Amino acid sequence: MNDIENKFFEKYKELDSLCKDVLNSNQGVTQYICEMEKTSGRGRYYVHSWDYDYKMLKHVRWVRNNIAHNNGGSECSENDIKYVKDFYQRIMQQKDPFSIIYQRQNEIKKRTVKQSEIKPNPYINNRKTTNKNRGYTRLAVGIFIVIIVVLLMIMSRLLGNL
Protein backbone atom coordinates (compact mmCIF):
# COMPACT_ATOMS: atom_id res chain seq x y z
CA MET A 1 0.00 0.00 0.00
CA ASN A 2 1.18 3.48 -0.79
CA ASP A 3 0.85 6.51 1.49
CA ILE A 4 -2.50 7.69 0.05
CA GLU A 5 -3.97 4.21 0.37
CA ASN A 6 -2.78 3.93 4.00
CA LYS A 7 -4.26 7.31 4.87
CA PHE A 8 -7.53 6.44 3.12
CA PHE A 9 -7.72 3.04 4.81
CA GLU A 10 -7.31 4.59 8.27
CA LYS A 11 -9.96 7.26 7.65
CA TYR A 12 -12.32 4.68 6.19
CA LYS A 13 -11.92 2.46 9.27
CA GLU A 14 -12.83 5.44 11.47
CA LEU A 15 -15.94 6.15 9.37
CA ASP A 16 -16.89 2.47 9.33
CA SER A 17 -16.56 2.28 13.11
CA LEU A 18 -18.70 5.39 13.57
CA CYS A 19 -21.39 3.98 11.25
CA LYS A 20 -21.38 0.75 13.25
CA ASP A 21 -21.95 2.71 16.45
CA VAL A 22 -24.61 5.01 15.00
CA LEU A 23 -26.56 2.22 13.28
CA ASN A 24 -25.95 -0.35 16.01
CA SER A 25 -24.66 -2.77 13.40
CA ASN A 26 -21.53 -4.74 12.69
CA GLN A 27 -21.40 -3.70 9.03
CA GLY A 28 -20.75 0.05 9.25
CA VAL A 29 -20.64 1.81 5.89
CA THR A 30 -22.28 -1.16 4.21
CA GLN A 31 -25.20 -0.92 6.64
CA TYR A 32 -25.45 2.84 6.03
CA ILE A 33 -25.72 2.14 2.29
CA CYS A 34 -28.35 -0.57 2.89
CA GLU A 35 -30.40 1.81 5.03
CA MET A 36 -30.19 4.42 2.29
CA GLU A 37 -31.52 1.86 -0.19
CA LYS A 38 -34.48 1.14 2.12
CA THR A 39 -35.36 4.79 2.62
CA SER A 40 -38.49 6.06 0.93
CA GLY A 41 -38.62 8.81 -1.66
CA ARG A 42 -40.09 11.21 0.90
CA GLY A 43 -37.01 10.84 3.09
CA ARG A 44 -34.71 11.34 0.13
CA TYR A 45 -36.60 14.51 -0.77
CA TYR A 46 -35.36 16.20 2.40
CA VAL A 47 -31.67 15.63 1.58
CA HIS A 48 -30.27 17.52 -1.40
CA SER A 49 -27.03 15.53 -1.40
CA TRP A 50 -28.75 12.13 -1.21
CA ASP A 51 -27.72 10.77 -4.61
CA TYR A 52 -24.18 12.12 -4.32
CA ASP A 53 -23.71 10.63 -0.84
CA TYR A 54 -25.13 7.29 -1.91
CA LYS A 55 -22.82 7.07 -4.92
CA MET A 56 -19.78 8.24 -2.97
CA LEU A 57 -20.35 5.82 -0.11
CA LYS A 58 -20.58 2.96 -2.58
CA HIS A 59 -17.45 4.28 -4.31
CA VAL A 60 -15.36 4.59 -1.14
CA ARG A 61 -16.49 1.15 -0.01
CA TRP A 62 -15.34 -0.18 -3.40
CA VAL A 63 -12.00 1.62 -3.02
CA ARG A 64 -11.58 0.16 0.47
CA ASN A 65 -12.34 -3.36 -0.77
CA ASN A 66 -9.96 -2.85 -3.67
CA ILE A 67 -7.17 -1.82 -1.32
CA ALA A 68 -7.85 -4.68 1.08
CA HIS A 69 -8.09 -7.44 -1.52
CA ASN A 70 -5.84 -6.36 -4.39
CA ASN A 71 -2.18 -5.53 -4.67
CA GLY A 72 -2.08 -1.88 -5.70
CA GLY A 73 -4.00 -0.09 -8.42
CA SER A 74 -6.85 0.92 -6.11
CA GLU A 75 -7.50 4.23 -7.89
CA CYS A 76 -7.65 5.88 -4.47
CA SER A 77 -7.39 9.67 -4.61
CA GLU A 78 -7.09 12.60 -2.21
CA ASN A 79 -10.73 13.40 -3.04
CA ASP A 80 -11.76 9.99 -1.67
CA ILE A 81 -9.91 10.71 1.57
CA LYS A 82 -11.51 14.15 1.74
CA TYR A 83 -15.00 12.74 1.23
CA VAL A 84 -14.52 10.09 3.95
CA LYS A 85 -13.27 12.74 6.40
CA ASP A 86 -16.10 15.14 5.49
CA PHE A 87 -18.79 12.48 5.79
CA TYR A 88 -17.41 11.46 9.18
CA GLN A 89 -17.68 15.09 10.32
CA ARG A 90 -21.20 15.41 8.95
CA ILE A 91 -22.30 12.41 10.99
CA MET A 92 -20.66 13.88 14.09
CA GLN A 93 -22.41 17.24 13.48
CA GLN A 94 -25.71 15.49 12.66
CA LYS A 95 -25.68 16.80 9.10
CA ASP A 96 -25.60 13.43 7.37
CA PRO A 97 -28.64 12.22 5.37
CA PHE A 98 -30.31 10.28 8.20
CA SER A 99 -29.83 13.08 10.71
CA ILE A 100 -31.38 15.54 8.26
CA ILE A 101 -34.37 13.25 7.70
CA TYR A 102 -34.81 12.78 11.44
CA GLN A 103 -34.67 16.53 12.06
CA ARG A 104 -37.18 17.27 9.28
CA GLN A 105 -39.60 14.63 10.53
CA ASN A 106 -39.43 16.10 14.03
CA GLU A 107 -40.11 19.58 12.63
CA ILE A 108 -43.18 18.25 10.82
CA LYS A 109 -44.42 16.49 13.98
CA LYS A 110 -44.01 19.71 15.97
CA ARG A 111 -45.97 21.67 13.35
CA THR A 112 -48.70 19.03 13.34
CA VAL A 113 -48.99 19.16 17.12
CA LYS A 114 -49.13 22.97 17.07
CA GLN A 115 -51.90 22.88 14.44
CA SER A 116 -53.95 20.48 16.57
CA GLU A 117 -53.56 22.76 19.59
CA ILE A 118 -55.28 25.65 17.78
CA LYS A 119 -58.66 26.29 19.37
CA PRO A 120 -61.59 26.70 16.99
CA ASN A 121 -63.19 30.12 16.62
CA PRO A 122 -66.53 29.99 18.45
CA TYR A 123 -68.03 32.49 15.99
CA ILE A 124 -67.45 30.21 12.99
CA ASN A 125 -69.26 26.94 12.38
CA ASN A 126 -66.41 24.44 12.71
CA ARG A 127 -68.56 21.33 12.31
CA LYS A 128 -67.02 19.11 9.68
CA THR A 129 -69.41 17.34 7.34
CA THR A 130 -68.09 14.28 5.62
CA ASN A 131 -69.00 13.27 2.09
CA LYS A 132 -70.79 10.27 3.54
CA ASN A 133 -73.04 12.51 5.66
CA ARG A 134 -73.71 14.74 2.65
CA GLY A 135 -74.75 11.67 0.66
CA TYR A 136 -77.24 10.65 3.33
CA THR A 137 -78.65 14.17 3.46
CA ARG A 138 -79.12 14.25 -0.30
CA LEU A 139 -80.79 10.85 -0.22
CA ALA A 140 -83.22 11.97 2.51
CA VAL A 141 -84.11 15.14 0.60
CA GLY A 142 -84.66 13.11 -2.57
CA ILE A 143 -86.96 10.66 -0.79
CA PHE A 144 -88.88 13.54 0.79
CA ILE A 145 -89.43 15.15 -2.63
CA VAL A 146 -90.64 11.84 -4.11
CA ILE A 147 -93.10 11.39 -1.22
CA ILE A 148 -94.48 14.91 -1.72
CA VAL A 149 -94.87 14.36 -5.48
CA VAL A 150 -96.69 11.04 -4.89
CA LEU A 151 -98.99 12.64 -2.29
CA LEU A 152 -99.76 15.52 -4.65
CA MET A 153 -100.63 13.06 -7.43
CA ILE A 154 -102.90 11.05 -5.09
CA MET A 155 -104.62 14.23 -3.90
CA SER A 156 -105.17 15.50 -7.45
CA ARG A 157 -106.79 12.18 -8.47
CA LEU A 158 -108.97 12.17 -5.37
CA LEU A 159 -110.05 15.74 -6.03
CA GLY A 160 -110.58 14.94 -9.70
CA ASN A 161 -112.95 12.04 -8.86
CA LEU A 162 -115.27 14.20 -6.76
C-alpha atoms as a PDB file:
ATOM      1  CA  MET A   1       0.000   0.000   0.000  1.00  0.00           C
ATOM      2  CA  ASN A   2       1.182   3.480  -0.788  1.00  0.00           C
ATOM      3  CA  ASP A   3       0.851   6.512   1.491  1.00  0.00           C
ATOM      4  CA  ILE A   4      -2.500   7.692   0.051  1.00  0.00           C
ATOM      5  CA  GLU A   5      -3.973   4.209   0.373  1.00  0.00           C
ATOM      6  CA  ASN A   6      -2.776   3.934   4.002  1.00  0.00           C
ATOM      7  CA  LYS A   7      -4.259   7.306   4.867  1.00  0.00           C
ATOM      8  CA  PHE A   8      -7.535   6.441   3.124  1.00  0.00           C
ATOM      9  CA  PHE A   9      -7.718   3.039   4.805  1.00  0.00           C
ATOM     10  CA  GLU A  10      -7.315   4.591   8.273  1.00  0.00           C
ATOM     11  CA  LYS A  11      -9.956   7.259   7.650  1.00  0.00           C
ATOM     12  CA  TYR A  12     -12.325   4.680   6.185  1.00  0.00           C
ATOM     13  CA  LYS A  13     -11.918   2.460   9.271  1.00  0.00           C
ATOM     14  CA  GLU A  14     -12.831   5.443  11.467  1.00  0.00           C
ATOM     15  CA  LEU A  15     -15.944   6.145   9.369  1.00  0.00           C
ATOM     16  CA  ASP A  16     -16.888   2.468   9.332  1.00  0.00           C
ATOM     17  CA  SER A  17     -16.563   2.277  13.114  1.00  0.00           C
ATOM     18  CA  LEU A  18     -18.698   5.390  13.568  1.00  0.00           C
ATOM     19  CA  CYS A  19     -21.392   3.979  11.254  1.00  0.00           C
ATOM     20  CA  LYS A  20     -21.377   0.746  13.245  1.00  0.00           C
ATOM     21  CA  ASP A  21     -21.955   2.708  16.445  1.00  0.00           C
ATOM     22  CA  VAL A  22     -24.609   5.008  14.997  1.00  0.00           C
ATOM     23  CA  LEU A  23     -26.555   2.223  13.285  1.00  0.00           C
ATOM     24  CA  ASN A  24     -25.953  -0.353  16.012  1.00  0.00           C
ATOM     25  CA  SER A  25     -24.662  -2.767  13.404  1.00  0.00           C
ATOM     26  CA  ASN A  26     -21.530  -4.743  12.691  1.00  0.00           C
ATOM     27  CA  GLN A  27     -21.404  -3.701   9.032  1.00  0.00           C
ATOM     28  CA  GLY A  28     -20.753   0.050   9.253  1.00  0.00           C
ATOM     29  CA  VAL A  29     -20.635   1.810   5.888  1.00  0.00           C
ATOM     30  CA  THR A  30     -22.282  -1.164   4.210  1.00  0.00           C
ATOM     31  CA  GLN A  31     -25.201  -0.918   6.644  1.00  0.00           C
ATOM     32  CA  TYR A  32     -25.448   2.844   6.028  1.00  0.00           C
ATOM     33  CA  ILE A  33     -25.720   2.144   2.289  1.00  0.00           C
ATOM     34  CA  CYS A  34     -28.353  -0.570   2.891  1.00  0.00           C
ATOM     35  CA  GLU A  35     -30.397   1.808   5.035  1.00  0.00           C
ATOM     36  CA  MET A  36     -30.193   4.424   2.292  1.00  0.00           C
ATOM     37  CA  GLU A  37     -31.517   1.862  -0.185  1.00  0.00           C
ATOM     38  CA  LYS A  38     -34.475   1.136   2.125  1.00  0.00           C
ATOM     39  CA  THR A  39     -35.362   4.792   2.620  1.00  0.00           C
ATOM     40  CA  SER A  40     -38.495   6.058   0.927  1.00  0.00           C
ATOM     41  CA  GLY A  41     -38.622   8.809  -1.657  1.00  0.00           C
ATOM     42  CA  ARG A  42     -40.087  11.210   0.895  1.00  0.00           C
ATOM     43  CA  GLY A  43     -37.008  10.844   3.093  1.00  0.00           C
ATOM     44  CA  ARG A  44     -34.715  11.337   0.129  1.00  0.00           C
ATOM     45  CA  TYR A  45     -36.597  14.508  -0.773  1.00  0.00           C
ATOM     46  CA  TYR A  46     -35.363  16.198   2.402  1.00  0.00           C
ATOM     47  CA  VAL A  47     -31.674  15.633   1.578  1.00  0.00           C
ATOM     48  CA  HIS A  48     -30.271  17.516  -1.399  1.00  0.00           C
ATOM     49  CA  SER A  49     -27.027  15.526  -1.397  1.00  0.00           C
ATOM     50  CA  TRP A  50     -28.751  12.125  -1.206  1.00  0.00           C
ATOM     51  CA  ASP A  51     -27.717  10.768  -4.613  1.00  0.00           C
ATOM     52  CA  TYR A  52     -24.181  12.117  -4.323  1.00  0.00           C
ATOM     53  CA  ASP A  53     -23.708  10.634  -0.837  1.00  0.00           C
ATOM     54  CA  TYR A  54     -25.129   7.293  -1.908  1.00  0.00           C
ATOM     55  CA  LYS A  55     -22.823   7.066  -4.925  1.00  0.00           C
ATOM     56  CA  MET A  56     -19.778   8.242  -2.974  1.00  0.00           C
ATOM     57  CA  LEU A  57     -20.348   5.820  -0.105  1.00  0.00           C
ATOM     58  CA  LYS A  58     -20.577   2.963  -2.584  1.00  0.00           C
ATOM     59  CA  HIS A  59     -17.445   4.276  -4.312  1.00  0.00           C
ATOM     60  CA  VAL A  60     -15.357   4.593  -1.143  1.00  0.00           C
ATOM     61  CA  ARG A  61     -16.487   1.147  -0.010  1.00  0.00           C
ATOM     62  CA  TRP A  62     -15.343  -0.178  -3.396  1.00  0.00           C
ATOM     63  CA  VAL A  63     -11.999   1.624  -3.020  1.00  0.00           C
ATOM     64  CA  ARG A  64     -11.576   0.161   0.474  1.00  0.00           C
ATOM     65  CA  ASN A  65     -12.341  -3.360  -0.774  1.00  0.00           C
ATOM     66  CA  ASN A  66      -9.964  -2.848  -3.665  1.00  0.00           C
ATOM     67  CA  ILE A  67      -7.168  -1.815  -1.322  1.00  0.00           C
ATOM     68  CA  ALA A  68      -7.846  -4.675   1.075  1.00  0.00           C
ATOM     69  CA  HIS A  69      -8.092  -7.441  -1.517  1.00  0.00           C
ATOM     70  CA  ASN A  70      -5.843  -6.358  -4.393  1.00  0.00           C
ATOM     71  CA  ASN A  71      -2.181  -5.527  -4.666  1.00  0.00           C
ATOM     72  CA  GLY A  72      -2.076  -1.878  -5.702  1.00  0.00           C
ATOM     73  CA  GLY A  73      -3.999  -0.093  -8.418  1.00  0.00           C
ATOM     74  CA  SER A  74      -6.846   0.921  -6.108  1.00  0.00           C
ATOM     75  CA  GLU A  75      -7.503   4.229  -7.887  1.00  0.00           C
ATOM     76  CA  CYS A  76      -7.646   5.884  -4.473  1.00  0.00           C
ATOM     77  CA  SER A  77      -7.386   9.671  -4.607  1.00  0.00           C
ATOM     78  CA  GLU A  78      -7.095  12.595  -2.207  1.00  0.00           C
ATOM     79  CA  ASN A  79     -10.732  13.399  -3.037  1.00  0.00           C
ATOM     80  CA  ASP A  80     -11.760   9.994  -1.667  1.00  0.00           C
ATOM     81  CA  ILE A  81      -9.906  10.714   1.567  1.00  0.00           C
ATOM     82  CA  LYS A  82     -11.507  14.154   1.745  1.00  0.00           C
ATOM     83  CA  TYR A  83     -14.996  12.737   1.228  1.00  0.00           C
ATOM     84  CA  VAL A  84     -14.524  10.093   3.950  1.00  0.00           C
ATOM     85  CA  LYS A  85     -13.272  12.742   6.403  1.00  0.00           C
ATOM     86  CA  ASP A  86     -16.097  15.136   5.485  1.00  0.00           C
ATOM     87  CA  PHE A  87     -18.786  12.485   5.794  1.00  0.00           C
ATOM     88  CA  TYR A  88     -17.406  11.461   9.181  1.00  0.00           C
ATOM     89  CA  GLN A  89     -17.682  15.088  10.322  1.00  0.00           C
ATOM     90  CA  ARG A  90     -21.199  15.410   8.950  1.00  0.00           C
ATOM     91  CA  ILE A  91     -22.300  12.411  10.994  1.00  0.00           C
ATOM     92  CA  MET A  92     -20.659  13.882  14.095  1.00  0.00           C
ATOM     93  CA  GLN A  93     -22.411  17.235  13.480  1.00  0.00           C
ATOM     94  CA  GLN A  94     -25.711  15.494  12.662  1.00  0.00           C
ATOM     95  CA  LYS A  95     -25.684  16.802   9.101  1.00  0.00           C
ATOM     96  CA  ASP A  96     -25.595  13.434   7.367  1.00  0.00           C
ATOM     97  CA  PRO A  97     -28.639  12.224   5.375  1.00  0.00           C
ATOM     98  CA  PHE A  98     -30.309  10.281   8.195  1.00  0.00           C
ATOM     99  CA  SER A  99     -29.827  13.084  10.706  1.00  0.00           C
ATOM    100  CA  ILE A 100     -31.381  15.539   8.263  1.00  0.00           C
ATOM    101  CA  ILE A 101     -34.368  13.252   7.696  1.00  0.00           C
ATOM    102  CA  TYR A 102     -34.814  12.775  11.439  1.00  0.00           C
ATOM    103  CA  GLN A 103     -34.675  16.528  12.061  1.00  0.00           C
ATOM    104  CA  ARG A 104     -37.175  17.269   9.280  1.00  0.00           C
ATOM    105  CA  GLN A 105     -39.601  14.627  10.528  1.00  0.00           C
ATOM    106  CA  ASN A 106     -39.426  16.105  14.031  1.00  0.00           C
ATOM    107  CA  GLU A 107     -40.115  19.583  12.632  1.00  0.00           C
ATOM    108  CA  ILE A 108     -43.177  18.246  10.822  1.00  0.00           C
ATOM    109  CA  LYS A 109     -44.422  16.489  13.975  1.00  0.00           C
ATOM    110  CA  LYS A 110     -44.014  19.710  15.972  1.00  0.00           C
ATOM    111  CA  ARG A 111     -45.971  21.670  13.345  1.00  0.00           C
ATOM    112  CA  THR A 112     -48.703  19.032  13.343  1.00  0.00           C
ATOM    113  CA  VAL A 113     -48.990  19.162  17.123  1.00  0.00           C
ATOM    114  CA  LYS A 114     -49.132  22.971  17.067  1.00  0.00           C
ATOM    115  CA  GLN A 115     -51.900  22.879  14.438  1.00  0.00           C
ATOM    116  CA  SER A 116     -53.947  20.479  16.566  1.00  0.00           C
ATOM    117  CA  GLU A 117     -53.559  22.763  19.586  1.00  0.00           C
ATOM    118  CA  ILE A 118     -55.281  25.649  17.781  1.00  0.00           C
ATOM    119  CA  LYS A 119     -58.661  26.291  19.369  1.00  0.00           C
ATOM    120  CA  PRO A 120     -61.586  26.698  16.986  1.00  0.00           C
ATOM    121  CA  ASN A 121     -63.190  30.117  16.621  1.00  0.00           C
ATOM    122  CA  PRO A 122     -66.532  29.990  18.452  1.00  0.00           C
ATOM    123  CA  TYR A 123     -68.025  32.491  15.991  1.00  0.00           C
ATOM    124  CA  ILE A 124     -67.448  30.215  12.993  1.00  0.00           C
ATOM    125  CA  ASN A 125     -69.265  26.941  12.378  1.00  0.00           C
ATOM    126  CA  ASN A 126     -66.410  24.443  12.713  1.00  0.00           C
ATOM    127  CA  ARG A 127     -68.561  21.333  12.312  1.00  0.00           C
ATOM    128  CA  LYS A 128     -67.023  19.110   9.685  1.00  0.00           C
ATOM    129  CA  THR A 129     -69.413  17.336   7.343  1.00  0.00           C
ATOM    130  CA  THR A 130     -68.087  14.280   5.615  1.00  0.00           C
ATOM    131  CA  ASN A 131     -68.996  13.272   2.089  1.00  0.00           C
ATOM    132  CA  LYS A 132     -70.795  10.267   3.540  1.00  0.00           C
ATOM    133  CA  ASN A 133     -73.039  12.514   5.657  1.00  0.00           C
ATOM    134  CA  ARG A 134     -73.705  14.740   2.648  1.00  0.00           C
ATOM    135  CA  GLY A 135     -74.746  11.672   0.664  1.00  0.00           C
ATOM    136  CA  TYR A 136     -77.237  10.648   3.333  1.00  0.00           C
ATOM    137  CA  THR A 137     -78.651  14.170   3.465  1.00  0.00           C
ATOM    138  CA  ARG A 138     -79.116  14.250  -0.303  1.00  0.00           C
ATOM    139  CA  LEU A 139     -80.791  10.853  -0.217  1.00  0.00           C
ATOM    140  CA  ALA A 140     -83.218  11.972   2.515  1.00  0.00           C
ATOM    141  CA  VAL A 141     -84.109  15.143   0.596  1.00  0.00           C
ATOM    142  CA  GLY A 142     -84.664  13.105  -2.573  1.00  0.00           C
ATOM    143  CA  ILE A 143     -86.959  10.658  -0.789  1.00  0.00           C
ATOM    144  CA  PHE A 144     -88.876  13.540   0.790  1.00  0.00           C
ATOM    145  CA  ILE A 145     -89.427  15.150  -2.631  1.00  0.00           C
ATOM    146  CA  VAL A 146     -90.635  11.837  -4.112  1.00  0.00           C
ATOM    147  CA  ILE A 147     -93.101  11.386  -1.221  1.00  0.00           C
ATOM    148  CA  ILE A 148     -94.480  14.910  -1.722  1.00  0.00           C
ATOM    149  CA  VAL A 149     -94.874  14.359  -5.478  1.00  0.00           C
ATOM    150  CA  VAL A 150     -96.686  11.043  -4.888  1.00  0.00           C
ATOM    151  CA  LEU A 151     -98.985  12.645  -2.292  1.00  0.00           C
ATOM    152  CA  LEU A 152     -99.765  15.516  -4.647  1.00  0.00           C
ATOM    153  CA  MET A 153    -100.632  13.058  -7.429  1.00  0.00           C
ATOM    154  CA  ILE A 154    -102.899  11.053  -5.089  1.00  0.00           C
ATOM    155  CA  MET A 155    -104.620  14.226  -3.898  1.00  0.00           C
ATOM    156  CA  SER A 156    -105.169  15.495  -7.447  1.00  0.00           C
ATOM    157  CA  ARG A 157    -106.794  12.185  -8.465  1.00  0.00           C
ATOM    158  CA  LEU A 158    -108.968  12.174  -5.373  1.00  0.00           C
ATOM    159  CA  LEU A 159    -110.050  15.739  -6.028  1.00  0.00           C
ATOM    160  CA  GLY A 160    -110.580  14.939  -9.704  1.00  0.00           C
ATOM    161  CA  ASN A 161    -112.946  12.040  -8.862  1.00  0.00           C
ATOM    162  CA  LEU A 162    -115.272  14.195  -6.764  1.00  0.00           C
END
